[in-house]
C-alpha atoms as a PDB file:
ATOM      1  CA  MET A   1       7.273   2.484 -18.997  1.00  0.00           C
ATOM      2  CA  HIS A   2       7.968  -0.905 -20.584  1.00  0.00           C
ATOM      3  CA  HIS A   3      10.061   0.754 -23.316  1.00  0.00           C
ATOM      4  CA  ILE A   4      12.047   2.770 -20.762  1.00  0.00           C
ATOM      5  CA  TYR A   5      12.796  -0.324 -18.680  1.00  0.00           C
ATOM      6  CA  GLN A   6      13.758  -2.416 -21.711  1.00  0.00           C
ATOM      7  CA  THR A   7      16.115   0.316 -22.929  1.00  0.00           C
ATOM      8  CA  PHE A   8      17.646   0.439 -19.440  1.00  0.00           C
ATOM      9  CA  ILE A   9      18.283  -3.315 -19.451  1.00  0.00           C
ATOM     10  CA  ASP A  10      19.802  -3.151 -22.934  1.00  0.00           C
ATOM     11  CA  CYS A  11      22.142  -0.295 -21.902  1.00  0.00           C
ATOM     12  CA  LEU A  12      23.412  -2.170 -18.857  1.00  0.00           C
ATOM     13  CA  THR A  13      23.834  -5.425 -20.752  1.00  0.00           C
ATOM     14  CA  GLU A  14      25.942  -3.723 -23.412  1.00  0.00           C
ATOM     15  CA  SER A  15      28.013  -1.677 -20.951  1.00  0.00           C
ATOM     16  CA  THR A  16      31.671  -2.542 -20.359  1.00  0.00           C
ATOM     17  CA  ASP A  17      32.754  -0.034 -17.721  1.00  0.00           C
ATOM     18  CA  ALA A  18      31.512   2.290 -14.978  1.00  0.00           C
ATOM     19  CA  ALA A  19      31.064   5.205 -17.376  1.00  0.00           C
ATOM     20  CA  GLU A  20      28.682   3.226 -19.588  1.00  0.00           C
ATOM     21  CA  LEU A  21      26.774   1.903 -16.577  1.00  0.00           C
ATOM     22  CA  ARG A  22      26.405   5.480 -15.381  1.00  0.00           C
ATOM     23  CA  LYS A  23      25.131   6.624 -18.779  1.00  0.00           C
ATOM     24  CA  GLY A  24      22.576   3.821 -18.887  1.00  0.00           C
ATOM     25  CA  MET A  25      21.109   4.758 -15.522  1.00  0.00           C
ATOM     26  CA  GLU A  26      21.319   8.488 -16.295  1.00  0.00           C
ATOM     27  CA  LYS A  27      19.352   8.034 -19.510  1.00  0.00           C
ATOM     28  CA  THR A  28      16.640   6.180 -17.620  1.00  0.00           C
ATOM     29  CA  THR A  29      16.371   8.649 -14.733  1.00  0.00           C
ATOM     30  CA  ARG A  30      16.010  11.488 -17.227  1.00  0.00           C
ATOM     31  CA  ALA A  31      13.236   9.614 -19.015  1.00  0.00           C
ATOM     32  CA  LEU A  32      11.445   9.341 -15.670  1.00  0.00           C
ATOM     33  CA  GLU A  33      12.135  13.029 -14.947  1.00  0.00           C
ATOM     34  CA  LEU A  34      14.280  12.229 -11.903  1.00  0.00           C
ATOM     35  CA  SER A  35      17.082  14.711 -11.233  1.00  0.00           C
ATOM     36  CA  CYS A  36      19.983  12.406 -10.414  1.00  0.00           C
ATOM     37  CA  PHE A  37      21.034   9.083  -8.952  1.00  0.00           C
ATOM     38  CA  ALA A  38      23.845   7.620  -6.867  1.00  0.00           C
ATOM     39  CA  TYR A  39      25.030   4.041  -6.447  1.00  0.00           C
ATOM     40  CA  LEU A  40      27.187   3.522  -3.359  1.00  0.00           C
ATOM     41  CA  CYS A  41      28.719   0.177  -2.457  1.00  0.00           C
ATOM     42  CA  LEU A  42      30.332   0.105   0.964  1.00  0.00           C
ATOM     43  CA  PRO A  43      33.901  -1.213   1.272  1.00  0.00           C
ATOM     44  CA  GLY A  44      34.358  -4.889   1.974  1.00  0.00           C
ATOM     45  CA  ARG A  45      36.892  -4.287   4.708  1.00  0.00           C
ATOM     46  CA  LYS A  46      37.570  -1.668   7.362  1.00  0.00           C
ATOM     47  CA  GLY A  47      39.396   1.364   6.034  1.00  0.00           C
ATOM     48  CA  GLY A  48      38.539   0.601   2.416  1.00  0.00           C
ATOM     49  CA  ALA A  49      37.020   3.129   0.029  1.00  0.00           C
ATOM     50  CA  PRO A  50      33.379   2.879  -1.065  1.00  0.00           C
ATOM     51  CA  GLN A  51      32.547   2.502  -4.739  1.00  0.00           C
ATOM     52  CA  LEU A  52      30.476   5.374  -6.090  1.00  0.00           C
ATOM     53  CA  ILE A  53      28.794   5.757  -9.474  1.00  0.00           C
ATOM     54  CA  SER A  54      26.519   8.776  -9.717  1.00  0.00           C
ATOM     55  CA  THR A  55      25.244  11.830 -11.526  1.00  0.00           C
ATOM     56  CA  TYR A  56      25.443  13.970  -8.407  1.00  0.00           C
ATOM     57  CA  PRO A  57      27.547  17.141  -8.841  1.00  0.00           C
ATOM     58  CA  SER A  58      31.199  16.066  -8.909  1.00  0.00           C
ATOM     59  CA  THR A  59      32.156  18.726  -6.355  1.00  0.00           C
ATOM     60  CA  TRP A  60      29.720  17.188  -3.884  1.00  0.00           C
ATOM     61  CA  THR A  61      30.786  13.574  -4.487  1.00  0.00           C
ATOM     62  CA  ALA A  62      34.462  14.540  -4.118  1.00  0.00           C
ATOM     63  CA  GLN A  63      33.664  16.223  -0.804  1.00  0.00           C
ATOM     64  CA  TYR A  64      31.561  13.235   0.282  1.00  0.00           C
ATOM     65  CA  LEU A  65      34.303  10.691  -0.399  1.00  0.00           C
ATOM     66  CA  LYS A  66      37.136  12.825   0.939  1.00  0.00           C
ATOM     67  CA  ASN A  67      35.363  13.341   4.278  1.00  0.00           C
ATOM     68  CA  HIS A  68      34.068   9.742   4.489  1.00  0.00           C
ATOM     69  CA  TYR A  69      30.502  10.925   4.904  1.00  0.00           C
ATOM     70  CA  GLU A  70      29.286   7.364   4.311  1.00  0.00           C
ATOM     71  CA  ARG A  71      30.367   6.606   7.885  1.00  0.00           C
ATOM     72  CA  PHE A  72      27.599   8.756   9.378  1.00  0.00           C
ATOM     73  CA  ASP A  73      25.296   9.568   6.460  1.00  0.00           C
ATOM     74  CA  PRO A  74      21.763   8.943   7.866  1.00  0.00           C
ATOM     75  CA  VAL A  75      20.632   7.568   4.498  1.00  0.00           C
ATOM     76  CA  ILE A  76      23.397   4.952   4.526  1.00  0.00           C
ATOM     77  CA  THR A  77      22.779   4.233   8.211  1.00  0.00           C
ATOM     78  CA  GLN A  78      19.142   3.475   7.431  1.00  0.00           C
ATOM     79  CA  ALA A  79      20.094   1.423   4.371  1.00  0.00           C
ATOM     80  CA  LEU A  80      22.380  -0.690   6.563  1.00  0.00           C
ATOM     81  CA  ALA A  81      19.624  -1.346   9.067  1.00  0.00           C
ATOM     82  CA  ASN A  82      16.743  -1.980   6.637  1.00  0.00           C
ATOM     83  CA  THR A  83      16.127  -3.943   3.477  1.00  0.00           C
ATOM     84  CA  GLU A  84      13.033  -2.072   2.324  1.00  0.00           C
ATOM     85  CA  PRO A  85      13.204   1.065   0.107  1.00  0.00           C
ATOM     86  CA  PHE A  86      12.506   4.372   1.823  1.00  0.00           C
ATOM     87  CA  GLN A  87      12.090   8.065   1.122  1.00  0.00           C
ATOM     88  CA  TRP A  88      14.073  10.766   2.916  1.00  0.00           C
ATOM     89  CA  GLY A  89      14.479  14.521   2.889  1.00  0.00           C
ATOM     90  CA  LEU A  90      15.143  17.658   4.846  1.00  0.00           C
ATOM     91  CA  ASN A  91      11.588  17.643   6.154  1.00  0.00           C
ATOM     92  CA  LEU A  92      11.315  13.929   6.907  1.00  0.00           C
ATOM     93  CA  GLY A  93      12.361  13.044  10.434  1.00  0.00           C
ATOM     94  CA  THR A  94      15.382  15.336  10.603  1.00  0.00           C
ATOM     95  CA  SER A  95      14.641  16.140  14.263  1.00  0.00           C
ATOM     96  CA  THR A  96      16.204  12.816  15.258  1.00  0.00           C
ATOM     97  CA  LEU A  97      19.450  13.481  13.399  1.00  0.00           C
ATOM     98  CA  SER A  98      22.713  14.371  15.069  1.00  0.00           C
ATOM     99  CA  ARG A  99      24.283  17.741  14.354  1.00  0.00           C
ATOM    100  CA  PRO A 100      26.833  16.297  11.853  1.00  0.00           C
ATOM    101  CA  GLN A 101      24.025  14.455  10.068  1.00  0.00           C
ATOM    102  CA  ARG A 102      21.878  17.604   9.804  1.00  0.00           C
ATOM    103  CA  GLU A 103      24.892  19.509   8.477  1.00  0.00           C
ATOM    104  CA  LEU A 104      25.454  16.777   5.889  1.00  0.00           C
ATOM    105  CA  PHE A 105      21.846  17.130   4.680  1.00  0.00           C
ATOM    106  CA  GLU A 106      22.230  20.910   4.573  1.00  0.00           C
ATOM    107  CA  ASP A 107      25.466  20.615   2.583  1.00  0.00           C
ATOM    108  CA  ALA A 108      23.786  18.250   0.120  1.00  0.00           C
ATOM    109  CA  ALA A 109      20.914  20.716  -0.289  1.00  0.00           C
ATOM    110  CA  ARG A 110      23.390  23.370  -1.455  1.00  0.00           C
ATOM    111  CA  PHE A 111      24.143  21.073  -4.364  1.00  0.00           C
ATOM    112  CA  GLY A 112      20.450  20.574  -5.187  1.00  0.00           C
ATOM    113  CA  ILE A 113      19.954  17.289  -3.317  1.00  0.00           C
ATOM    114  CA  THR A 114      17.104  17.735  -0.851  1.00  0.00           C
ATOM    115  CA  CYS A 115      14.996  14.574  -1.104  1.00  0.00           C
ATOM    116  CA  GLY A 116      15.460  11.041  -2.277  1.00  0.00           C
ATOM    117  CA  PHE A 117      14.275   7.479  -2.621  1.00  0.00           C
ATOM    118  CA  THR A 118      16.839   4.902  -1.560  1.00  0.00           C
ATOM    119  CA  VAL A 119      16.874   1.182  -2.306  1.00  0.00           C
ATOM    120  CA  PRO A 120      19.093  -0.801   0.107  1.00  0.00           C
ATOM    121  CA  ILE A 121      20.695  -3.896  -1.418  1.00  0.00           C
ATOM    122  CA  HIS A 122      21.519  -6.791   0.919  1.00  0.00           C
ATOM    123  CA  ASP A 123      22.191  -9.649  -1.492  1.00  0.00           C
ATOM    124  CA  GLY A 124      24.461 -11.697   0.767  1.00  0.00           C
ATOM    125  CA  ARG A 125      27.185 -11.877  -1.879  1.00  0.00           C
ATOM    126  CA  GLY A 126      29.292  -8.951  -0.775  1.00  0.00           C
ATOM    127  CA  PRO A 127      29.208  -5.518   0.860  1.00  0.00           C
ATOM    128  CA  ILE A 128      25.868  -3.768   1.314  1.00  0.00           C
ATOM    129  CA  ALA A 129      25.038  -1.240  -1.379  1.00  0.00           C
ATOM    130  CA  ALA A 130      22.365   1.389  -1.955  1.00  0.00           C
ATOM    131  CA  VAL A 131      20.901   3.096  -5.000  1.00  0.00           C
ATOM    132  CA  THR A 132      19.384   6.536  -4.458  1.00  0.00           C
ATOM    133  CA  PHE A 133      17.204   8.537  -6.827  1.00  0.00           C
ATOM    134  CA  ALA A 134      17.229  12.188  -5.751  1.00  0.00           C
ATOM    135  CA  ALA A 135      15.769  15.606  -6.555  1.00  0.00           C
ATOM    136  CA  ASP A 136      15.891  19.220  -5.410  1.00  0.00           C
ATOM    137  CA  GLU A 137      13.258  21.102  -3.402  1.00  0.00           C
ATOM    138  CA  TYR A 138      11.659  22.616  -6.507  1.00  0.00           C
ATOM    139  CA  ARG A 139      10.730  19.186  -7.851  1.00  0.00           C
ATOM    140  CA  GLY A 140       9.710  17.661  -4.535  1.00  0.00           C
ATOM    141  CA  ALA A 141       6.033  17.156  -5.340  1.00  0.00           C
ATOM    142  CA  ALA A 142       6.672  15.763  -8.832  1.00  0.00           C
ATOM    143  CA  PHE A 143       9.421  13.557  -7.404  1.00  0.00           C
ATOM    144  CA  SER A 144       7.054  12.060  -4.819  1.00  0.00           C
ATOM    145  CA  ARG A 145       4.450  11.342  -7.504  1.00  0.00           C
ATOM    146  CA  CYS A 146       7.071   9.607  -9.639  1.00  0.00           C
ATOM    147  CA  ILE A 147       8.207   7.463  -6.711  1.00  0.00           C
ATOM    148  CA  GLU A 148       4.640   6.534  -5.891  1.00  0.00           C
ATOM    149  CA  ALA A 149       3.932   5.533  -9.477  1.00  0.00           C
ATOM    150  CA  HIS A 150       7.164   3.642 -10.176  1.00  0.00           C
ATOM    151  CA  ARG A 151       8.330   2.422  -6.770  1.00  0.00           C
ATOM    152  CA  GLN A 152       8.558  -1.253  -7.700  1.00  0.00           C
ATOM    153  CA  VAL A 153      10.211  -0.588 -11.057  1.00  0.00           C
ATOM    154  CA  LEU A 154      12.832   1.642  -9.411  1.00  0.00           C
ATOM    155  CA  GLN A 155      13.570  -1.107  -6.916  1.00  0.00           C
ATOM    156  CA  LEU A 156      14.079  -3.599  -9.736  1.00  0.00           C
ATOM    157  CA  MET A 157      16.283  -1.112 -11.578  1.00  0.00           C
ATOM    158  CA  ALA A 158      18.435  -0.637  -8.482  1.00  0.00           C
ATOM    159  CA  MET A 159      18.898  -4.373  -8.003  1.00  0.00           C
ATOM    160  CA  TYR A 160      19.654  -4.917 -11.687  1.00  0.00           C
ATOM    161  CA  PHE A 161      22.180  -2.073 -11.688  1.00  0.00           C
ATOM    162  CA  HIS A 162      23.927  -3.521  -8.627  1.00  0.00           C
ATOM    163  CA  ALA A 163      24.070  -6.974 -10.240  1.00  0.00           C
ATOM    164  CA  HIS A 164      25.824  -5.541 -13.280  1.00  0.00           C
ATOM    165  CA  VAL A 165      28.290  -3.555 -11.174  1.00  0.00           C
ATOM    166  CA  ARG A 166      29.092  -6.665  -9.148  1.00  0.00           C
ATOM    167  CA  CYS A 167      29.511  -8.733 -12.320  1.00  0.00           C
ATOM    168  CA  LYS A 168      31.712  -6.206 -14.120  1.00  0.00           C
ATOM    169  CA  PHE A 169      33.778  -5.231 -11.074  1.00  0.00           C
ATOM    170  CA  THR A 170      34.406  -8.563  -9.429  1.00  0.00           C
ATOM    171  CA  PRO A 171      36.358  -8.533  -6.143  1.00  0.00           C
ATOM    172  CA  ASP A 172      39.476 -10.075  -7.668  1.00  0.00           C
ATOM    173  CA  ARG A 173      39.885  -6.967  -9.824  1.00  0.00           C
ATOM    174  CA  VAL A 174      39.407  -4.509  -6.968  1.00  0.00           C
ATOM    175  CA  ILE A 175      42.500  -3.348  -5.103  1.00  0.00           C
ATOM    176  CA  ASN A 176      42.052  -0.987  -2.160  1.00  0.00           C
ATOM    177  CA  GLY A 177      38.585  -0.160  -3.461  1.00  0.00           C
ATOM    178  CA  ILE A 178      39.899   0.605  -6.984  1.00  0.00           C
ATOM    179  CA  ALA A 179      38.629  -1.486  -9.916  1.00  0.00           C
ATOM    180  CA  LEU A 180      41.204  -2.413 -12.547  1.00  0.00           C
ATOM    181  CA  SER A 181      40.334  -3.569 -16.052  1.00  0.00           C
ATOM    182  CA  PRO A 182      40.922  -7.267 -16.829  1.00  0.00           C
ATOM    183  CA  ARG A 183      43.996  -6.435 -18.922  1.00  0.00           C
ATOM    184  CA  GLU A 184      45.440  -4.056 -16.322  1.00  0.00           C
ATOM    185  CA  LEU A 185      45.138  -6.736 -13.656  1.00  0.00           C
ATOM    186  CA  GLU A 186      46.568  -9.382 -15.970  1.00  0.00           C
ATOM    187  CA  CYS A 187      49.663  -7.288 -16.722  1.00  0.00           C
ATOM    188  CA  LEU A 188      50.102  -6.404 -13.056  1.00  0.00           C
ATOM    189  CA  GLU A 189      49.876 -10.050 -12.025  1.00  0.00           C
ATOM    190  CA  TRP A 190      52.632 -10.967 -14.495  1.00  0.00           C
ATOM    191  CA  ALA A 191      54.700  -8.053 -13.200  1.00  0.00           C
ATOM    192  CA  ALA A 192      54.245  -9.500  -9.714  1.00  0.00           C
ATOM    193  CA  GLN A 193      55.934 -12.639 -11.041  1.00  0.00           C
ATOM    194  CA  GLY A 194      58.948 -10.617 -12.077  1.00  0.00           C
ATOM    195  CA  LYS A 195      58.116 -10.286 -15.757  1.00  0.00           C
ATOM    196  CA  SER A 196      59.184  -7.177 -17.683  1.00  0.00           C
ATOM    197  CA  ALA A 197      56.847  -5.269 -20.000  1.00  0.00           C
ATOM    198  CA  TRP A 198      58.549  -6.948 -22.972  1.00  0.00           C
ATOM    199  CA  GLU A 199      58.038 -10.409 -21.460  1.00  0.00           C
ATOM    200  CA  ILE A 200      54.427  -9.628 -20.553  1.00  0.00           C
ATOM    201  CA  GLY A 201      53.825  -8.543 -24.132  1.00  0.00           C
ATOM    202  CA  ARG A 202      55.183 -11.817 -25.460  1.00  0.00           C
ATOM    203  CA  ILE A 203      53.100 -13.864 -23.002  1.00  0.00           C
ATOM    204  CA  LEU A 204      49.851 -12.018 -23.748  1.00  0.00           C
ATOM    205  CA  GLY A 205      50.426 -11.541 -27.461  1.00  0.00           C
ATOM    206  CA  ILE A 206      50.575  -7.732 -27.257  1.00  0.00           C
ATOM    207  CA  THR A 207      53.371  -5.241 -27.820  1.00  0.00           C
ATOM    208  CA  ARG A 208      55.736  -4.106 -25.071  1.00  0.00           C
ATOM    209  CA  ARG A 209      54.294  -0.630 -25.463  1.00  0.00           C
ATOM    210  CA  THR A 210      50.743  -1.896 -24.878  1.00  0.00           C
ATOM    211  CA  ALA A 211      51.820  -3.875 -21.821  1.00  0.00           C
ATOM    212  CA  SER A 212      53.533  -0.768 -20.456  1.00  0.00           C
ATOM    213  CA  PHE A 213      50.403   1.248 -21.165  1.00  0.00           C
ATOM    214  CA  HIS A 214      48.248  -1.100 -19.048  1.00  0.00           C
ATOM    215  CA  LEU A 215      50.809  -1.169 -16.248  1.00  0.00           C
ATOM    216  CA  GLU A 216      50.943   2.618 -16.191  1.00  0.00           C
ATOM    217  CA  ASN A 217      47.147   2.793 -16.098  1.00  0.00           C
ATOM    218  CA  ALA A 218      47.091   0.420 -13.135  1.00  0.00           C
ATOM    219  CA  LYS A 219      49.752   2.472 -11.379  1.00  0.00           C
ATOM    220  CA  THR A 220      47.811   5.710 -11.948  1.00  0.00           C
ATOM    221  CA  LYS A 221      44.513   4.237 -10.764  1.00  0.00           C
ATOM    222  CA  LEU A 222      46.146   2.964  -7.576  1.00  0.00           C
ATOM    223  CA  GLY A 223      47.741   6.351  -6.939  1.00  0.00           C
ATOM    224  CA  VAL A 224      51.298   5.041  -6.634  1.00  0.00           C
ATOM    225  CA  HIS A 225      54.573   6.211  -8.184  1.00  0.00           C
ATOM    226  CA  SER A 226      56.062   2.951  -9.431  1.00  0.00           C
ATOM    227  CA  ILE A 227      55.069  -0.418 -10.861  1.00  0.00           C
ATOM    228  CA  SER A 228      56.782  -2.153  -7.935  1.00  0.00           C
ATOM    229  CA  HIS A 229      54.557  -0.201  -5.541  1.00  0.00           C
ATOM    230  CA  ALA A 230      51.477  -1.196  -7.580  1.00  0.00           C
ATOM    231  CA  VAL A 231      52.614  -4.825  -7.361  1.00  0.00           C
ATOM    232  CA  ALA A 232      52.989  -4.457  -3.592  1.00  0.00           C
ATOM    233  CA  ARG A 233      49.408  -3.175  -3.401  1.00  0.00           C
ATOM    234  CA  LEU A 234      48.212  -6.177  -5.417  1.00  0.00           C
ATOM    235  CA  ILE A 235      50.049  -8.673  -3.203  1.00  0.00           C
ATOM    236  CA  ALA A 236      48.807  -6.979  -0.015  1.00  0.00           C
ATOM    237  CA  SER A 237      45.194  -7.049  -1.243  1.00  0.00           C
ATOM    238  CA  ARG A 238      45.427 -10.747  -2.110  1.00  0.00           C
ATOM    239  CA  SER A 239      46.836 -11.578   1.328  1.00  0.00           C
ATOM    240  CA  MET A 240      43.714 -10.036   2.919  1.00  0.00           C
ATOM    241  CA  ILE A 241      41.269 -12.240   1.000  1.00  0.00           C
ATOM    242  CA  PRO A 242      40.057 -15.075   3.274  1.00  0.00           C
END
């Protein structure tokens, strides 16, 4: 177990983006014979989008985010109300769930997610987050044994993972719930000051083409059709920071 945990720490320390963070956690969950994991950080303001890093089926996560399931997901509701880790599943207290909540659990089960162990994270430095380790019904017994044996280690892993996400995706690089790279934000901030791609390139010591590349990436990530619209999003997000 020591080797697995050390490898996990090394992977997160060396990671530079969400994809590498995801791979580090995925490698560790596989070593522990856990099916999948999900990290969900709730938005910092009303109407914002949650941040999700997971190995859940992409079809399910797309459906989850599109329908804003985090607003009534019983797992998230419990994570908001409690600081201690907890187990959940189709056969654990579902009688108290509302009809939409039961349907959410049933939908998740169709994608092989029937039980889980969730670690709520209330660190006082930002929005509440939760890390969930999950499995399907066929691995329920083995999953429970794994949780029982490694409960404290999984809690430490969840907290360490969250710390790295928070460090690598600081609030000043998040616009409308979307994390930009340091260079993308830098180019966009200069664009907000009226600088052209050529001027930005000269200021940052990069080519005009590279500056344009980062601006286009920022525009695509933000889901807008022009650099001026991306700049407007940046300015609006800054005006909302207390």
